[in-house]
Amino acid sequence: MNIRHRIVAASLFLGLISTMVMTSNAAASCGAVSCFVVIGSQQQVPQAGLLTVNGIYNYTPMRLLSGTNGIIPAVDQASRQMILDHHKEIRTITQQATLDLNYGVTDRFGVQVTIPYMWRTHKHIDGLGEDGTDGDGDPTSFSSNGIGDMRVGLKYNVLPTIRSMVVLGFGVYLPTGNTHAHDSADNIMEPTTQLGRGQVGLNPTIYQTYELIPHLLNQFASASYRHTFRNNDGYQFGDEYMLNAGLNVVAQPWLILTGQVNYRYLVHDNFSSSLLQSAPVGTVGGAPLTVVDPTIKNRAVPTTGSTYHAFAPGFQVNLGQLVESSWANMTSAYFYAQIPFARDSNNSLAQGTSFVFGVTRSFQMTNPS
């Protein structure tokens, strides 16, 4: 059994790494994304009666890559219009504080609830080439804060052994985030920068870990998929695929060093709309929009979708091993920096180096049997 577990773990780990390295071509996303890393206490199933609480903060900046101009289409939800070459992206910054609750119903079956609170700011130059402007557009800003889309999930540990774990999960994103916040010009901001997606999303997951050297070195890997249905404004966010793999090293009883490789692939978003075209940037006096196709039908949004590869070094401090105190018992703090090494931004904003801070605390709610 031990040999078989080693082979399965190593094969999955190497397979994920190979997929991340070889998959490099895709479109990219505009708007906003959030930093993502694997945090073991989020992925695992707590023992029966144990409540594990994660408080997580992440900071995710997005800016243009060199060689891109950031000119993208506008998505007008109110009039169901997609306007090509309508505005120029400048930057997006997303801050997110997440309350993540994991409860062990049994030693193998768990329930998870994730509640994000988001602060998002965005800047772009609006109305490129439009009639009544100088043709260079108008600077426009957007900011919003509030609850994002909550996630409720179930998890089951299909391989609970002393040295290994394989957890299958299935979550549902609930449309609790705002989807109709306005920008500084009092227009409804585009769906990709809103706090919520406006529709239910399905999210199956798998997480695997194995102790390569007991109490010293372990590897982990995870994969997840998200599908969000079309919302009432005719907008559907593209499917999301994420693969992650890494190692944990116990440097001291109270200190764990970690490194992981993260990969995310986003499919093009889709919008049910007519299609228009802005005049070229700098058109003197501006020009009316050109109607390319007046028919309202499902269309891929050309500058959405992305590939993102990153390396995330970090560490975890087990406070209970460092400080003799009741408040430090079953408590740990962690930090990660997610550093991109390959990105495809498709002439739009790309996620930059991001940061994650967090604290985990476990509470024994019932007496273990």
Protein backbone atom coordinates (compact mmCIF):
# COMPACT_ATOMS: atom_id res chain seq x y z
CA MET A 1 0.00 0.00 0.00
CA ASN A 2 2.78 2.46 0.87
CA ILE A 3 4.52 1.90 -2.48
CA ARG A 4 1.28 2.31 -4.38
CA HIS A 5 0.47 5.52 -2.51
CA ARG A 6 3.93 6.87 -3.31
CA ILE A 7 3.48 6.12 -7.01
CA VAL A 8 0.00 7.68 -7.15
CA ALA A 9 1.13 10.80 -5.29
CA ALA A 10 4.25 11.27 -7.38
CA SER A 11 2.36 10.71 -10.65
CA LEU A 12 -0.33 13.22 -9.79
CA PHE A 13 2.23 15.76 -8.61
CA LEU A 14 4.37 15.45 -11.75
CA GLY A 15 1.33 15.41 -14.00
CA LEU A 16 0.04 18.67 -12.60
CA ILE A 17 3.44 20.32 -12.90
CA SER A 18 3.77 19.15 -16.53
CA THR A 19 0.32 20.46 -17.41
CA MET A 20 1.11 23.83 -15.86
CA VAL A 21 4.37 24.16 -17.73
CA MET A 22 3.12 23.01 -21.14
CA THR A 23 -0.20 24.87 -21.25
CA SER A 24 0.77 28.38 -22.26
CA ASN A 25 -1.47 29.74 -25.03
CA ALA A 26 -4.89 31.31 -24.42
CA ALA A 27 -6.69 34.61 -24.34
CA ALA A 28 -6.63 36.70 -21.19
CA SER A 29 -9.03 38.57 -18.97
CA CYS A 30 -9.87 42.18 -18.38
CA GLY A 31 -11.57 43.50 -15.29
CA ALA A 32 -10.57 41.75 -12.11
CA VAL A 33 -9.39 38.49 -10.58
CA SER A 34 -8.31 37.42 -7.09
CA CYS A 35 -5.09 35.83 -5.89
CA PHE A 36 -5.34 32.06 -5.27
CA VAL A 37 -3.06 29.68 -3.35
CA VAL A 38 -3.52 26.31 -1.67
CA ILE A 39 -4.09 26.58 2.08
CA GLY A 40 -4.21 23.11 3.64
CA SER A 41 -6.68 23.97 6.39
CA GLN A 42 -9.15 25.07 3.70
CA GLN A 43 -8.79 21.90 1.66
CA GLN A 44 -8.74 19.20 4.32
CA VAL A 45 -11.61 17.62 6.25
CA PRO A 46 -11.39 18.37 10.00
CA GLN A 47 -11.93 15.52 12.45
CA ALA A 48 -15.47 14.97 13.69
CA GLY A 49 -16.77 17.87 15.75
CA LEU A 50 -13.84 20.19 14.92
CA LEU A 51 -14.54 23.65 13.50
CA THR A 52 -11.61 25.18 11.62
CA VAL A 53 -11.85 28.93 11.00
CA ASN A 54 -9.66 30.73 8.45
CA GLY A 55 -9.42 34.50 8.31
CA ILE A 56 -7.67 35.36 5.04
CA TYR A 57 -6.66 38.67 3.45
CA ASN A 58 -5.34 38.91 -0.10
CA TYR A 59 -4.14 41.82 -2.20
CA THR A 60 -4.28 41.44 -6.00
CA PRO A 61 -3.08 44.17 -8.39
CA MET A 62 -3.68 44.08 -12.16
CA ARG A 63 -1.84 46.22 -14.70
CA LEU A 64 -0.97 46.16 -18.39
CA LEU A 65 1.95 44.09 -19.60
CA SER A 66 4.64 45.68 -21.75
CA GLY A 67 3.79 45.58 -25.45
CA THR A 68 0.03 45.90 -24.89
CA ASN A 69 -2.15 49.01 -25.23
CA GLY A 70 -5.12 47.90 -23.13
CA ILE A 71 -7.80 48.87 -25.69
CA ILE A 72 -10.76 46.54 -25.15
CA PRO A 73 -14.50 46.32 -25.90
CA ALA A 74 -17.19 47.82 -23.70
CA VAL A 75 -19.96 45.60 -22.36
CA ASP A 76 -23.14 47.67 -22.00
CA GLN A 77 -25.54 45.55 -19.95
CA ALA A 78 -28.41 48.05 -20.04
CA SER A 79 -28.63 48.24 -23.85
CA ARG A 80 -27.21 44.76 -24.56
CA GLN A 81 -24.39 46.17 -26.69
CA MET A 82 -20.76 45.12 -27.05
CA ILE A 83 -18.71 48.01 -28.45
CA LEU A 84 -15.32 47.07 -29.89
CA ASP A 85 -12.23 49.24 -29.10
CA HIS A 86 -14.29 51.39 -26.74
CA HIS A 87 -11.99 51.98 -23.77
CA LYS A 88 -8.45 51.61 -22.51
CA GLU A 89 -7.67 49.74 -19.30
CA ILE A 90 -5.31 51.29 -16.73
CA ARG A 91 -5.41 49.19 -13.56
CA THR A 92 -7.52 47.20 -11.10
CA ILE A 93 -6.75 46.53 -7.44
CA THR A 94 -8.74 43.94 -5.49
CA GLN A 95 -8.49 43.44 -1.75
CA GLN A 96 -10.41 40.58 -0.22
CA ALA A 97 -11.01 39.48 3.35
CA THR A 98 -12.41 35.96 3.55
CA LEU A 99 -14.04 34.10 6.41
CA ASP A 100 -13.68 30.39 5.69
CA LEU A 101 -15.47 27.87 7.94
CA ASN A 102 -14.80 24.12 7.83
CA TYR A 103 -16.63 21.66 10.07
CA GLY A 104 -16.07 17.94 10.39
CA VAL A 105 -19.41 16.14 10.49
CA THR A 106 -17.51 12.85 10.66
CA ASP A 107 -13.79 12.12 10.38
CA ARG A 108 -14.23 11.77 6.61
CA PHE A 109 -17.12 14.09 5.74
CA GLY A 110 -17.04 17.89 6.10
CA VAL A 111 -18.99 21.05 5.34
CA GLN A 112 -17.42 24.30 4.16
CA VAL A 113 -18.79 27.87 3.98
CA THR A 114 -16.71 30.69 2.48
CA ILE A 115 -17.76 34.34 2.82
CA PRO A 116 -15.66 36.96 0.97
CA TYR A 117 -15.74 40.71 1.59
CA MET A 118 -14.15 42.70 -1.23
CA TRP A 119 -12.75 46.16 -1.91
CA ARG A 120 -12.21 46.84 -5.61
CA THR A 121 -10.94 49.92 -7.47
CA HIS A 122 -10.59 50.24 -11.23
CA LYS A 123 -9.51 52.91 -13.71
CA HIS A 124 -9.85 53.13 -17.47
CA ILE A 125 -10.24 55.69 -20.26
CA ASP A 126 -13.81 55.54 -21.54
CA GLY A 127 -15.42 56.39 -24.89
CA LEU A 128 -12.46 56.19 -27.27
CA GLY A 129 -13.32 57.78 -30.64
CA GLU A 130 -16.89 58.58 -29.54
CA ASP A 131 -19.01 61.38 -30.99
CA GLY A 132 -18.91 64.54 -28.87
CA THR A 133 -15.44 63.88 -27.40
CA ASP A 134 -11.90 64.71 -28.47
CA GLY A 135 -11.54 61.10 -29.56
CA ASP A 136 -9.08 60.26 -26.80
CA GLY A 137 -11.80 59.31 -24.30
CA ASP A 138 -12.48 60.38 -20.74
CA PRO A 139 -10.75 59.06 -17.58
CA THR A 140 -13.25 57.03 -15.58
CA SER A 141 -12.87 55.41 -12.17
CA PHE A 142 -14.82 52.78 -10.28
CA SER A 143 -14.80 51.61 -6.69
CA SER A 144 -17.02 49.23 -4.81
CA ASN A 145 -16.94 47.20 -1.62
CA GLY A 146 -19.16 44.59 -0.06
CA ILE A 147 -19.89 40.88 0.15
CA GLY A 148 -18.82 38.85 -2.87
CA ASP A 149 -20.30 35.54 -4.01
CA MET A 150 -20.46 33.11 -1.09
CA ARG A 151 -19.52 29.46 -1.56
CA VAL A 152 -21.11 26.47 0.21
CA GLY A 153 -19.47 23.09 -0.22
CA LEU A 154 -19.25 19.46 0.90
CA LYS A 155 -16.01 17.44 1.17
CA TYR A 156 -15.25 13.76 1.57
CA ASN A 157 -11.88 12.18 2.39
CA VAL A 158 -11.68 9.06 0.23
CA LEU A 159 -8.18 8.02 1.38
CA PRO A 160 -7.69 8.70 5.10
CA THR A 161 -4.38 7.12 6.11
CA ILE A 162 -1.63 8.20 8.47
CA ARG A 163 0.51 9.58 5.65
CA SER A 164 -1.92 10.40 2.86
CA MET A 165 -5.21 12.09 2.10
CA VAL A 166 -7.40 12.52 -0.98
CA VAL A 167 -10.37 14.87 -0.56
CA LEU A 168 -13.16 15.19 -3.13
CA GLY A 169 -15.29 18.31 -2.88
CA PHE A 170 -18.26 19.94 -4.53
CA GLY A 171 -19.21 23.57 -3.94
CA VAL A 172 -21.87 25.98 -5.13
CA TYR A 173 -21.23 29.71 -5.56
CA LEU A 174 -24.26 31.76 -4.54
CA PRO A 175 -24.97 35.09 -6.34
CA THR A 176 -24.66 37.24 -3.21
CA GLY A 177 -22.26 39.85 -4.66
CA ASN A 178 -23.41 43.18 -6.13
CA THR A 179 -23.61 43.21 -9.95
CA HIS A 180 -24.92 46.73 -10.63
CA ALA A 181 -22.46 49.15 -9.03
CA HIS A 182 -21.89 52.41 -10.97
CA ASP A 183 -18.70 54.12 -12.12
CA SER A 184 -17.75 57.80 -11.70
CA ALA A 185 -19.81 58.70 -14.80
CA ASP A 186 -22.88 57.06 -13.18
CA ASN A 187 -22.97 54.19 -15.68
CA ILE A 188 -23.33 50.57 -14.60
CA MET A 189 -19.81 49.19 -14.52
CA GLU A 190 -18.91 46.16 -16.61
CA PRO A 191 -19.64 42.67 -15.23
CA THR A 192 -15.96 41.69 -14.91
CA THR A 193 -15.26 44.39 -12.32
CA GLN A 194 -18.43 43.86 -10.26
CA LEU A 195 -18.18 42.10 -6.88
CA GLY A 196 -20.45 39.23 -7.96
CA ARG A 197 -21.16 37.22 -11.09
CA GLY A 198 -24.94 37.43 -10.80
CA GLN A 199 -25.65 33.72 -11.15
CA VAL A 200 -25.04 30.35 -9.51
CA GLY A 201 -21.69 28.63 -10.11
CA LEU A 202 -20.71 24.96 -9.72
CA ASN A 203 -17.27 24.08 -8.32
CA PRO A 204 -15.98 20.47 -8.05
CA THR A 205 -12.53 20.10 -6.43
CA ILE A 206 -9.90 17.50 -5.56
CA TYR A 207 -7.06 17.80 -3.05
CA GLN A 208 -4.28 15.29 -2.41
CA THR A 209 -1.37 15.21 0.04
CA TYR A 210 1.28 12.65 0.99
CA GLU A 211 4.09 12.62 3.56
CA LEU A 212 7.25 11.90 1.60
CA ILE A 213 9.35 11.99 4.79
CA PRO A 214 7.23 11.64 7.94
CA HIS A 215 7.10 14.81 10.07
CA LEU A 216 9.56 16.55 7.75
CA LEU A 217 8.46 16.77 4.08
CA ASN A 218 5.10 16.41 2.37
CA GLN A 219 3.78 17.15 -1.11
CA PHE A 220 0.31 18.33 -2.06
CA ALA A 221 -1.67 18.91 -5.23
CA SER A 222 -5.12 20.24 -6.03
CA ALA A 223 -7.39 20.83 -9.00
CA SER A 224 -10.69 22.68 -9.33
CA TYR A 225 -13.23 23.68 -11.95
CA ARG A 226 -15.87 26.41 -11.93
CA HIS A 227 -18.86 26.78 -14.26
CA THR A 228 -21.11 29.83 -13.86
CA PHE A 229 -24.47 30.05 -15.60
CA ARG A 230 -25.60 33.06 -17.66
CA ASN A 231 -26.96 35.89 -15.50
CA ASN A 232 -30.09 37.99 -16.04
CA ASP A 233 -28.09 40.68 -17.87
CA GLY A 234 -27.11 38.19 -20.56
CA TYR A 235 -23.53 37.81 -19.34
CA GLN A 236 -21.83 34.47 -18.67
CA PHE A 237 -18.40 34.26 -17.08
CA GLY A 238 -16.04 31.78 -18.72
CA ASP A 239 -15.25 28.42 -17.12
CA GLU A 240 -12.25 28.39 -14.79
CA TYR A 241 -9.65 25.62 -14.39
CA MET A 242 -7.05 25.73 -11.62
CA LEU A 243 -4.14 23.37 -10.92
CA ASN A 244 -1.74 23.68 -7.99
CA ALA A 245 1.10 21.59 -6.60
CA GLY A 246 3.78 22.12 -3.98
CA LEU A 247 5.88 20.99 -1.03
CA ASN A 248 5.88 21.70 2.71
CA VAL A 249 9.09 21.44 4.76
CA VAL A 250 9.05 21.39 8.56
CA ALA A 251 12.03 23.65 9.36
CA GLN A 252 11.19 23.85 13.08
CA PRO A 253 8.33 22.35 15.10
CA TRP A 254 6.70 25.79 14.92
CA LEU A 255 7.77 26.79 11.38
CA ILE A 256 6.73 25.26 8.05
CA LEU A 257 8.26 26.51 4.79
CA THR A 258 6.23 26.02 1.65
CA GLY A 259 6.51 26.51 -2.09
CA GLN A 260 3.83 25.90 -4.69
CA VAL A 261 3.22 26.35 -8.40
CA ASN A 262 -0.18 27.78 -9.36
CA TYR A 263 -1.90 27.65 -12.74
CA ARG A 264 -5.23 29.17 -13.80
CA TYR A 265 -6.96 29.00 -17.17
CA LEU A 266 -10.07 31.09 -17.85
CA VAL A 267 -12.23 30.50 -20.93
CA HIS A 268 -13.67 33.49 -22.84
CA ASP A 269 -16.70 35.14 -21.26
CA ASN A 270 -19.89 35.28 -23.33
CA PHE A 271 -22.37 38.14 -23.73
CA SER A 272 -25.80 38.12 -25.38
CA SER A 273 -25.67 41.40 -27.30
CA SER A 274 -25.53 43.33 -30.56
CA LEU A 275 -22.09 44.33 -31.89
CA LEU A 276 -20.82 47.87 -32.52
CA GLN A 277 -17.47 49.49 -33.32
CA SER A 278 -15.89 52.66 -31.94
CA ALA A 279 -14.03 55.05 -34.22
CA PRO A 280 -10.21 54.93 -34.11
CA VAL A 281 -8.59 56.55 -31.09
CA GLY A 282 -7.96 60.26 -31.59
CA THR A 283 -10.62 60.75 -34.29
CA VAL A 284 -11.03 64.55 -34.42
CA GLY A 285 -14.39 65.51 -32.92
CA GLY A 286 -15.21 61.90 -32.36
CA ALA A 287 -17.55 59.85 -34.56
CA PRO A 288 -20.81 57.91 -34.21
CA LEU A 289 -20.60 54.24 -33.33
CA THR A 290 -20.70 51.89 -36.30
CA VAL A 291 -23.22 49.06 -36.10
CA VAL A 292 -21.48 45.84 -37.09
CA ASP A 293 -24.36 43.46 -36.31
CA PRO A 294 -27.65 44.63 -34.75
CA THR A 295 -28.74 41.09 -33.87
CA ILE A 296 -28.68 40.27 -30.17
CA LYS A 297 -27.00 36.89 -29.91
CA ASN A 298 -24.41 35.07 -27.81
CA ARG A 299 -20.92 36.39 -28.53
CA ALA A 300 -17.52 35.62 -27.04
CA VAL A 301 -16.02 38.69 -25.37
CA PRO A 302 -12.68 38.83 -27.24
CA THR A 303 -10.42 40.18 -24.49
CA THR A 304 -11.56 37.84 -21.73
CA GLY A 305 -10.15 34.47 -20.77
CA SER A 306 -6.57 34.07 -19.50
CA THR A 307 -3.65 31.90 -18.61
CA TYR A 308 -1.65 32.61 -15.47
CA HIS A 309 1.35 30.70 -14.08
CA ALA A 310 2.88 31.66 -10.73
CA PHE A 311 5.26 30.47 -8.04
CA ALA A 312 4.13 31.10 -4.47
CA PRO A 313 6.70 30.81 -1.67
CA GLY A 314 5.42 31.15 1.87
CA PHE A 315 5.57 30.04 5.48
CA GLN A 316 3.31 28.98 8.33
CA VAL A 317 3.90 29.60 12.03
CA ASN A 318 2.21 27.21 14.46
CA LEU A 319 1.63 29.52 17.39
CA GLY A 320 0.77 26.69 19.76
CA GLN A 321 4.31 25.32 19.29
CA LEU A 322 5.88 28.76 19.75
CA VAL A 323 3.90 30.28 22.63
CA GLU A 324 2.57 28.50 25.72
CA SER A 325 -0.88 30.04 25.95
CA SER A 326 -4.46 28.85 25.68
CA TRP A 327 -5.23 31.39 22.93
CA ALA A 328 -2.37 30.04 20.82
CA ASN A 329 -3.56 26.42 21.02
CA MET A 330 -4.60 25.06 17.59
CA THR A 331 -3.75 28.43 16.01
CA SER A 332 -1.42 29.21 13.10
CA ALA A 333 -0.58 32.20 10.91
CA TYR A 334 0.67 32.11 7.33
CA PHE A 335 1.91 34.31 4.49
CA TYR A 336 2.33 33.74 0.73
CA ALA A 337 3.60 35.86 -2.15
CA GLN A 338 2.20 34.77 -5.51
CA ILE A 339 4.75 35.73 -8.17
CA PRO A 340 3.83 35.31 -11.86
CA PHE A 341 6.37 33.81 -14.25
CA ALA A 342 4.18 33.44 -17.37
CA ARG A 343 1.00 35.32 -18.31
CA ASP A 344 -1.14 35.85 -21.38
CA SER A 345 -3.07 39.10 -21.02
CA ASN A 346 -4.60 39.35 -24.51
CA ASN A 347 -4.02 43.13 -24.64
CA SER A 348 -5.73 43.64 -21.30
CA LEU A 349 -4.91 43.75 -17.59
CA ALA A 350 -2.83 40.95 -16.09
CA GLN A 351 -2.51 39.87 -12.48
CA GLY A 352 0.74 41.03 -10.89
CA THR A 353 2.57 39.86 -7.77
CA SER A 354 -0.07 39.27 -5.11
CA PHE A 355 0.01 38.64 -1.36
CA VAL A 356 -1.96 36.45 1.05
CA PHE A 357 -2.02 36.73 4.84
CA GLY A 358 -4.07 34.46 7.07
CA VAL A 359 -4.80 33.05 10.50
CA THR A 360 -6.26 29.61 11.22
CA ARG A 361 -7.90 28.62 14.52
CA SER A 362 -9.60 25.32 15.34
CA PHE A 363 -12.31 24.81 17.94
CA GLN A 364 -13.47 21.42 19.29
CA MET A 365 -17.26 21.83 19.19
CA THR A 366 -18.18 18.31 20.34
CA ASN A 367 -16.33 15.63 22.25
CA PRO A 368 -14.68 13.18 19.85
CA SER A 369 -16.06 9.66 20.18
